PDB file of N, CA and C in Angstrom:
ATOM      1  N   UNK A   1      10.524   6.296  13.711  1.00  0.00           N
ATOM      2  CA  UNK A   1       9.456   6.015  14.658  1.00  0.00           C
ATOM      3  C   UNK A   1      10.059   5.209  15.801  1.00  0.00           C
ATOM      4  N   UNK A   2       9.904   5.683  16.994  1.00  0.00           N
ATOM      5  CA  UNK A   2      10.424   5.024  18.187  1.00  0.00           C
ATOM      6  C   UNK A   2       9.261   4.432  18.967  1.00  0.00           C
ATOM      7  N   UNK A   3       9.334   3.122  19.203  1.00  0.00           N
ATOM      8  CA  UNK A   3       8.252   2.459  19.918  1.00  0.00           C
ATOM      9  C   UNK A   3       8.466   2.575  21.419  1.00  0.00           C
ATOM     10  N   UNK A   4       7.378   2.851  22.167  1.00  0.00           N
ATOM     11  CA  UNK A   4       7.464   2.825  23.618  1.00  0.00           C
ATOM     12  C   UNK A   4       7.172   1.405  24.075  1.00  0.00           C
ATOM     13  N   UNK A   5       7.352   1.137  25.367  1.00  0.00           N
ATOM     14  CA  UNK A   5       7.189  -0.236  25.865  1.00  0.00           C
ATOM     15  C   UNK A   5       5.769  -0.759  25.669  1.00  0.00           C
ATOM     16  N   UNK A   6       4.765   0.107  25.752  1.00  0.00           N
ATOM     17  CA  UNK A   6       3.389  -0.325  25.511  1.00  0.00           C
ATOM     18  C   UNK A   6       3.179  -0.757  24.069  1.00  0.00           C
ATOM     19  N   UNK A   7       3.754  -0.002  23.134  1.00  0.00           N
ATOM     20  CA  UNK A   7       3.659  -0.346  21.718  1.00  0.00           C
ATOM     21  C   UNK A   7       4.382  -1.666  21.440  1.00  0.00           C
ATOM     22  N   UNK A   8       5.525  -1.863  22.050  1.00  0.00           N
ATOM     23  CA  UNK A   8       6.293  -3.098  21.864  1.00  0.00           C
ATOM     24  C   UNK A   8       5.498  -4.291  22.383  1.00  0.00           C
ATOM     25  N   UNK A   9       4.853  -4.135  23.529  1.00  0.00           N
ATOM     26  CA  UNK A   9       4.039  -5.232  24.082  1.00  0.00           C
ATOM     27  C   UNK A   9       2.852  -5.551  23.183  1.00  0.00           C
ATOM     28  N   UNK A  10       2.236  -4.538  22.604  1.00  0.00           N
ATOM     29  CA  UNK A  10       1.137  -4.758  21.664  1.00  0.00           C
ATOM     30  C   UNK A  10       1.629  -5.531  20.438  1.00  0.00           C
ATOM     31  N   UNK A  11       2.775  -5.128  19.905  1.00  0.00           N
ATOM     32  CA  UNK A  11       3.341  -5.810  18.742  1.00  0.00           C
ATOM     33  C   UNK A  11       3.641  -7.269  19.081  1.00  0.00           C
ATOM     34  N   UNK A  12       4.194  -7.509  20.266  1.00  0.00           N
ATOM     35  CA  UNK A  12       4.493  -8.873  20.684  1.00  0.00           C
ATOM     36  C   UNK A  12       3.219  -9.701  20.828  1.00  0.00           C
ATOM     37  N   UNK A  13       2.149  -9.087  21.317  1.00  0.00           N
ATOM     38  CA  UNK A  13       0.869  -9.793  21.437  1.00  0.00           C
ATOM     39  C   UNK A  13       0.335 -10.202  20.072  1.00  0.00           C
ATOM     40  N   UNK A  14       0.437  -9.303  19.102  1.00  0.00           N
ATOM     41  CA  UNK A  14      -0.030  -9.607  17.754  1.00  0.00           C
ATOM     42  C   UNK A  14       0.805 -10.736  17.157  1.00  0.00           C
ATOM     43  N   UNK A  15       2.118 -10.666  17.297  1.00  0.00           N
ATOM     44  CA  UNK A  15       3.002 -11.699  16.754  1.00  0.00           C
ATOM     45  C   UNK A  15       2.705 -13.054  17.394  1.00  0.00           C
ATOM     46  N   UNK A  16       2.491 -13.072  18.693  1.00  0.00           N
ATOM     47  CA  UNK A  16       2.185 -14.325  19.391  1.00  0.00           C
ATOM     48  C   UNK A  16       0.891 -14.940  18.846  1.00  0.00           C
ATOM     49  N   UNK A  17      -0.127 -14.117  18.665  1.00  0.00           N
ATOM     50  CA  UNK A  17      -1.404 -14.612  18.159  1.00  0.00           C
ATOM     51  C   UNK A  17      -1.279 -15.088  16.706  1.00  0.00           C
ATOM     52  N   UNK A  18      -0.495 -14.390  15.899  1.00  0.00           N
ATOM     53  CA  UNK A  18      -0.277 -14.824  14.522  1.00  0.00           C
ATOM     54  C   UNK A  18       0.382 -16.200  14.498  1.00  0.00           C
ATOM     55  N   UNK A  19       1.370 -16.396  15.356  1.00  0.00           N
ATOM     56  CA  UNK A  19       2.068 -17.680  15.437  1.00  0.00           C
ATOM     57  C   UNK A  19       1.116 -18.779  15.875  1.00  0.00           C
ATOM     58  N   UNK A  20       0.254 -18.483  16.855  1.00  0.00           N
ATOM     59  CA  UNK A  20      -0.713 -19.472  17.330  1.00  0.00           C
ATOM     60  C   UNK A  20      -1.692 -19.869  16.219  1.00  0.00           C
ATOM     61  N   UNK A  21      -1.926 -18.969  15.289  1.00  0.00           N
ATOM     62  CA  UNK A  21      -2.849 -19.247  14.175  1.00  0.00           C
ATOM     63  C   UNK A  21      -2.134 -19.840  12.963  1.00  0.00           C
ATOM     64  N   UNK A  22      -0.861 -20.151  13.126  1.00  0.00           N
ATOM     65  CA  UNK A  22      -0.115 -20.796  12.051  1.00  0.00           C
ATOM     66  C   UNK A  22       0.475 -19.861  11.020  1.00  0.00           C
ATOM     67  N   UNK A  23       0.474 -18.575  11.305  1.00  0.00           N
ATOM     68  CA  UNK A  23       1.077 -17.619  10.372  1.00  0.00           C
ATOM     69  C   UNK A  23       2.519 -17.410  10.834  1.00  0.00           C
ATOM     70  N   UNK A  24       3.348 -18.363  10.427  1.00  0.00           N
ATOM     71  CA  UNK A  24       4.764 -18.358  10.800  1.00  0.00           C
ATOM     72  C   UNK A  24       5.542 -18.883   9.595  1.00  0.00           C
ATOM     73  N   UNK A  25       6.799 -19.243   9.782  1.00  0.00           N
ATOM     74  CA  UNK A  25       7.642 -19.674   8.664  1.00  0.00           C
ATOM     75  C   UNK A  25       6.887 -20.638   7.766  1.00  0.00           C
ATOM     76  N   UNK A  26       6.919 -20.474   6.459  1.00  0.00           N
ATOM     77  CA  UNK A  26       7.798 -19.585   5.703  1.00  0.00           C
ATOM     78  C   UNK A  26       7.294 -18.146   5.588  1.00  0.00           C
ATOM     79  N   UNK A  27       6.181 -17.826   6.225  1.00  0.00           N
ATOM     80  CA  UNK A  27       5.719 -16.434   6.246  1.00  0.00           C
ATOM     81  C   UNK A  27       6.713 -15.599   7.047  1.00  0.00           C
ATOM     82  N   UNK A  28       6.897 -14.371   6.628  1.00  0.00           N
ATOM     83  CA  UNK A  28       7.796 -13.461   7.333  1.00  0.00           C
ATOM     84  C   UNK A  28       7.029 -12.173   7.605  1.00  0.00           C
ATOM     85  N   UNK A  29       6.426 -12.101   8.794  1.00  0.00           N
ATOM     86  CA  UNK A  29       5.589 -10.961   9.136  1.00  0.00           C
ATOM     87  C   UNK A  29       6.267 -10.138  10.220  1.00  0.00           C
ATOM     88  N   UNK A  30       6.374  -8.854   9.971  1.00  0.00           N
ATOM     89  CA  UNK A  30       6.897  -7.912  10.949  1.00  0.00           C
ATOM     90  C   UNK A  30       5.735  -7.038  11.406  1.00  0.00           C
ATOM     91  N   UNK A  31       5.637  -6.839  12.722  1.00  0.00           N
ATOM     92  CA  UNK A  31       4.576  -6.009  13.291  1.00  0.00           C
ATOM     93  C   UNK A  31       5.227  -4.866  14.058  1.00  0.00           C
ATOM     94  N   UNK A  32       4.835  -3.657  13.719  1.00  0.00           N
ATOM     95  CA  UNK A  32       5.240  -2.500  14.507  1.00  0.00           C
ATOM     96  C   UNK A  32       3.976  -1.766  14.936  1.00  0.00           C
ATOM     97  N   UNK A  33       4.042  -1.172  16.101  1.00  0.00           N
ATOM     98  CA  UNK A  33       2.894  -0.424  16.626  1.00  0.00           C
ATOM     99  C   UNK A  33       3.378   0.952  17.045  1.00  0.00           C
ATOM    100  N   UNK A  34       2.627   1.965  16.657  1.00  0.00           N
ATOM    101  CA  UNK A  34       2.931   3.340  17.045  1.00  0.00           C
ATOM    102  C   UNK A  34       1.631   4.035  17.413  1.00  0.00           C
ATOM    103  N   UNK A  35       1.449   4.266  18.698  1.00  0.00           N
ATOM    104  CA  UNK A  35       0.261   4.967  19.203  1.00  0.00           C
ATOM    105  C   UNK A  35      -1.038   4.327  18.727  1.00  0.00           C
ATOM    106  N   UNK A  36      -1.093   2.986  18.780  1.00  0.00           N
ATOM    107  CA  UNK A  36      -2.313   2.278  18.418  1.00  0.00           C
ATOM    108  C   UNK A  36      -2.438   1.914  16.952  1.00  0.00           C
ATOM    109  N   UNK A  37      -1.509   2.368  16.115  1.00  0.00           N
ATOM    110  CA  UNK A  37      -1.493   2.013  14.697  1.00  0.00           C
ATOM    111  C   UNK A  37      -0.553   0.837  14.504  1.00  0.00           C
ATOM    112  N   UNK A  38      -1.102  -0.307  14.109  1.00  0.00           N
ATOM    113  CA  UNK A  38      -0.291  -1.493  13.842  1.00  0.00           C
ATOM    114  C   UNK A  38       0.026  -1.534  12.353  1.00  0.00           C
ATOM    115  N   UNK A  39       1.294  -1.696  12.031  1.00  0.00           N
ATOM    116  CA  UNK A  39       1.719  -1.851  10.640  1.00  0.00           C
ATOM    117  C   UNK A  39       2.228  -3.266  10.458  1.00  0.00           C
ATOM    118  N   UNK A  40       1.624  -3.985   9.516  1.00  0.00           N
ATOM    119  CA  UNK A  40       2.023  -5.348   9.194  1.00  0.00           C
ATOM    120  C   UNK A  40       2.797  -5.297   7.885  1.00  0.00           C
ATOM    121  N   UNK A  41       3.999  -5.827   7.890  1.00  0.00           N
ATOM    122  CA  UNK A  41       4.795  -5.858   6.660  1.00  0.00           C
ATOM    123  C   UNK A  41       5.465  -7.213   6.537  1.00  0.00           C
ATOM    124  N   UNK A  42       5.912  -7.515   5.324  1.00  0.00           N
ATOM    125  CA  UNK A  42       6.556  -8.788   5.073  1.00  0.00           C
ATOM    126  C   UNK A  42       5.754  -9.608   4.083  1.00  0.00           C
ATOM    127  N   UNK A  43       5.911 -10.939   4.169  1.00  0.00           N
ATOM    128  CA  UNK A  43       5.257 -11.814   3.207  1.00  0.00           C
ATOM    129  C   UNK A  43       4.491 -12.940   3.888  1.00  0.00           C
ATOM    130  N   UNK A  44       3.422 -13.356   3.229  1.00  0.00           N
ATOM    131  CA  UNK A  44       2.648 -14.533   3.616  1.00  0.00           C
ATOM    132  C   UNK A  44       2.498 -15.388   2.361  1.00  0.00           C
ATOM    133  N   UNK A  45       2.107 -16.651   2.540  1.00  0.00           N
ATOM    134  CA  UNK A  45       2.029 -17.550   1.382  1.00  0.00           C
ATOM    135  C   UNK A  45       0.628 -17.664   0.789  1.00  0.00           C
ATOM    136  N   UNK A  46      -0.384 -17.170   1.517  1.00  0.00           N
ATOM    137  CA  UNK A  46      -1.760 -17.274   1.030  1.00  0.00           C
ATOM    138  C   UNK A  46      -2.521 -15.986   1.343  1.00  0.00           C
ATOM    139  N   UNK A  47      -3.463 -15.653   0.458  1.00  0.00           N
ATOM    140  CA  UNK A  47      -4.259 -14.432   0.642  1.00  0.00           C
ATOM    141  C   UNK A  47      -5.051 -14.466   1.944  1.00  0.00           C
ATOM    142  N   UNK A  48      -5.547 -15.657   2.331  1.00  0.00           N
ATOM    143  CA  UNK A  48      -6.327 -15.723   3.575  1.00  0.00           C
ATOM    144  C   UNK A  48      -5.459 -15.425   4.803  1.00  0.00           C
ATOM    145  N   UNK A  49      -4.155 -15.659   4.711  1.00  0.00           N
ATOM    146  CA  UNK A  49      -3.263 -15.316   5.823  1.00  0.00           C
ATOM    147  C   UNK A  49      -3.140 -13.801   5.966  1.00  0.00           C
ATOM    148  N   UNK A  50      -3.144 -13.103   4.862  1.00  0.00           N
ATOM    149  CA  UNK A  50      -3.085 -11.637   4.890  1.00  0.00           C
ATOM    150  C   UNK A  50      -4.335 -11.082   5.570  1.00  0.00           C
ATOM    151  N   UNK A  51      -5.483 -11.646   5.204  1.00  0.00           N
ATOM    152  CA  UNK A  51      -6.753 -11.214   5.793  1.00  0.00           C
ATOM    153  C   UNK A  51      -6.780 -11.553   7.292  1.00  0.00           C
ATOM    154  N   UNK A  52      -6.347 -12.766   7.633  1.00  0.00           N
ATOM    155  CA  UNK A  52      -6.334 -13.199   9.036  1.00  0.00           C
ATOM    156  C   UNK A  52      -5.402 -12.333   9.879  1.00  0.00           C
ATOM    157  N   UNK A  53      -4.266 -11.959   9.315  1.00  0.00           N
ATOM    158  CA  UNK A  53      -3.318 -11.121  10.046  1.00  0.00           C
ATOM    159  C   UNK A  53      -3.941  -9.772  10.396  1.00  0.00           C
ATOM    160  N   UNK A  54      -4.674  -9.194   9.459  1.00  0.00           N
ATOM    161  CA  UNK A  54      -5.375  -7.929   9.734  1.00  0.00           C
ATOM    162  C   UNK A  54      -6.406  -8.107  10.835  1.00  0.00           C
ATOM    163  N   UNK A  55      -7.142  -9.209  10.765  1.00  0.00           N
ATOM    164  CA  UNK A  55      -8.172  -9.480  11.770  1.00  0.00           C
ATOM    165  C   UNK A  55      -7.559  -9.649  13.152  1.00  0.00           C
ATOM    166  N   UNK A  56      -6.433 -10.363  13.219  1.00  0.00           N
ATOM    167  CA  UNK A  56      -5.751 -10.556  14.503  1.00  0.00           C
ATOM    168  C   UNK A  56      -5.309  -9.212  15.071  1.00  0.00           C
ATOM    169  N   UNK A  57      -4.670  -8.407  14.232  1.00  0.00           N
ATOM    170  CA  UNK A  57      -4.181  -7.108  14.706  1.00  0.00           C
ATOM    171  C   UNK A  57      -5.327  -6.202  15.145  1.00  0.00           C
ATOM    172  N   UNK A  58      -6.370  -6.116  14.323  1.00  0.00           N
ATOM    173  CA  UNK A  58      -7.480  -5.221  14.674  1.00  0.00           C
ATOM    174  C   UNK A  58      -8.258  -5.712  15.883  1.00  0.00           C
ATOM    175  N   UNK A  59      -8.194  -7.014  16.155  1.00  0.00           N
ATOM    176  CA  UNK A  59      -8.881  -7.573  17.318  1.00  0.00           C
ATOM    177  C   UNK A  59      -8.076  -7.509  18.603  1.00  0.00           C
ATOM    178  N   UNK A  60      -6.866  -6.985  18.521  1.00  0.00           N
ATOM    179  CA  UNK A  60      -6.005  -6.870  19.699  1.00  0.00           C
ATOM    180  C   UNK A  60      -6.345  -5.586  20.454  1.00  0.00           C
ATOM    181  N   UNK A  61      -6.635  -5.749  21.741  1.00  0.00           N
ATOM    182  CA  UNK A  61      -6.966  -4.594  22.572  1.00  0.00           C
ATOM    183  C   UNK A  61      -5.802  -3.603  22.568  1.00  0.00           C
ATOM    184  N   UNK A  62      -6.108  -2.348  22.269  1.00  0.00           N
ATOM    185  CA  UNK A  62      -5.089  -1.309  22.222  1.00  0.00           C
ATOM    186  C   UNK A  62      -4.720  -0.912  20.805  1.00  0.00           C
ATOM    187  N   UNK A  63      -5.095  -1.747  19.830  1.00  0.00           N
ATOM    188  CA  UNK A  63      -4.849  -1.411  18.423  1.00  0.00           C
ATOM    189  C   UNK A  63      -6.084  -0.682  17.896  1.00  0.00           C
ATOM    190  N   UNK A  64      -5.869   0.520  17.384  1.00  0.00           N
ATOM    191  CA  UNK A  64      -6.969   1.336  16.877  1.00  0.00           C
ATOM    192  C   UNK A  64      -7.107   1.277  15.363  1.00  0.00           C
ATOM    193  N   UNK A  65      -5.976   1.024  14.681  1.00  0.00           N
ATOM    194  CA  UNK A  65      -5.957   1.028  13.223  1.00  0.00           C
ATOM    195  C   UNK A  65      -4.888   0.067  12.739  1.00  0.00           C
ATOM    196  N   UNK A  66      -5.112  -0.533  11.571  1.00  0.00           N
ATOM    197  CA  UNK A  66      -4.151  -1.473  11.009  1.00  0.00           C
ATOM    198  C   UNK A  66      -3.790  -1.049   9.591  1.00  0.00           C
ATOM    199  N   UNK A  67      -2.507  -0.999   9.318  1.00  0.00           N
ATOM    200  CA  UNK A  67      -2.012  -0.744   7.976  1.00  0.00           C
ATOM    201  C   UNK A  67      -1.389  -2.056   7.506  1.00  0.00           C
ATOM    202  N   UNK A  68      -2.067  -2.748   6.600  1.00  0.00           N
ATOM    203  CA  UNK A  68      -1.608  -4.053   6.143  1.00  0.00           C
ATOM    204  C   UNK A  68      -0.805  -3.901   4.859  1.00  0.00           C
ATOM    205  N   UNK A  69       0.497  -4.065   4.977  1.00  0.00           N
ATOM    206  CA  UNK A  69       1.398  -3.961   3.828  1.00  0.00           C
ATOM    207  C   UNK A  69       1.956  -5.334   3.445  1.00  0.00           C
ATOM    208  N   UNK A  70       1.298  -6.401   3.910  1.00  0.00           N
ATOM    209  CA  UNK A  70       1.760  -7.752   3.610  1.00  0.00           C
ATOM    210  C   UNK A  70       1.623  -8.059   2.125  1.00  0.00           C
ATOM    211  N   UNK A  71       2.559  -8.825   1.615  1.00  0.00           N
ATOM    212  CA  UNK A  71       2.565  -9.249   0.217  1.00  0.00           C
ATOM    213  C   UNK A  71       2.392 -10.758   0.187  1.00  0.00           C
ATOM    214  N   UNK A  72       1.523 -11.243  -0.693  1.00  0.00           N
ATOM    215  CA  UNK A  72       1.295 -12.687  -0.832  1.00  0.00           C
ATOM    216  C   UNK A  72       2.299 -13.231  -1.848  1.00  0.00           C
ATOM    217  N   UNK A  73       3.144 -14.155  -1.380  1.00  0.00           N
ATOM    218  CA  UNK A  73       4.125 -14.816  -2.249  1.00  0.00           C
ATOM    219  C   UNK A  73       4.061 -16.297  -1.979  1.00  0.00           C
ATOM    220  N   UNK A  74       3.898 -17.072  -3.013  1.00  0.00           N
ATOM    221  CA  UNK A  74       3.864 -18.529  -2.859  1.00  0.00           C
ATOM    222  C   UNK A  74       5.217 -19.013  -2.362  1.00  0.00           C
ATOM    223  N   UNK A  75       5.168 -19.998  -1.466  1.00  0.00           N
ATOM    224  CA  UNK A  75       6.403 -20.613  -0.987  1.00  0.00           C
ATOM    225  C   UNK A  75       7.016 -21.374  -2.147  1.00  0.00           C
ATOM    226  N   UNK A  76       8.290 -21.131  -2.398  1.00  0.00           N
ATOM    227  CA  UNK A  76       8.951 -21.814  -3.495  1.00  0.00           C
ATOM    228  C   UNK A  76       9.479 -23.149  -3.029  1.00  0.00           C
ATOM    229  N   UNK A  77       9.236 -24.146  -3.838  1.00  0.00           N
ATOM    230  CA  UNK A  77       9.749 -25.473  -3.523  1.00  0.00           C
ATOM    231  C   UNK A  77      11.038 -25.676  -4.305  1.00  0.00           C
ATOM    232  N   UNK A  78      11.939 -26.418  -3.712  1.00  0.00           N
ATOM    233  CA  UNK A  78      13.230 -26.669  -4.352  1.00  0.00           C
ATOM    234  C   UNK A  78      13.065 -27.402  -5.673  1.00  0.00           C
ATOM    235  N   UNK A  79      13.870 -27.019  -6.631  1.00  0.00           N
ATOM    236  CA  UNK A  79      13.854 -27.695  -7.928  1.00  0.00           C
ATOM    237  C   UNK A  79      15.230 -28.270  -8.177  1.00  0.00           C
ATOM    238  N   UNK A  80      15.296 -29.317  -8.969  1.00  0.00           N
ATOM    239  CA  UNK A  80      16.592 -29.920  -9.243  1.00  0.00           C
ATOM    240  C   UNK A  80      17.043 -29.665 -10.646  1.00  0.00           C
TER     241      UNK A  80
END
């Protein structure tokens, strides 16, 4: 799948909004857009972040459909 510049800008908009909402490290979210279909992949630390990520993507002008492939994984804390 090859993204055009419009798709890349849409993906960047979604990523920016996710970051503004606190969905960033240790979460690892990748956003790709192809002809209005946003695919979210990677990991988040809480189920509500997965739901919020879908809402952000679907609320972005130009996104027609969202495929949420995010996996919820608890952030691991260091052990000694």
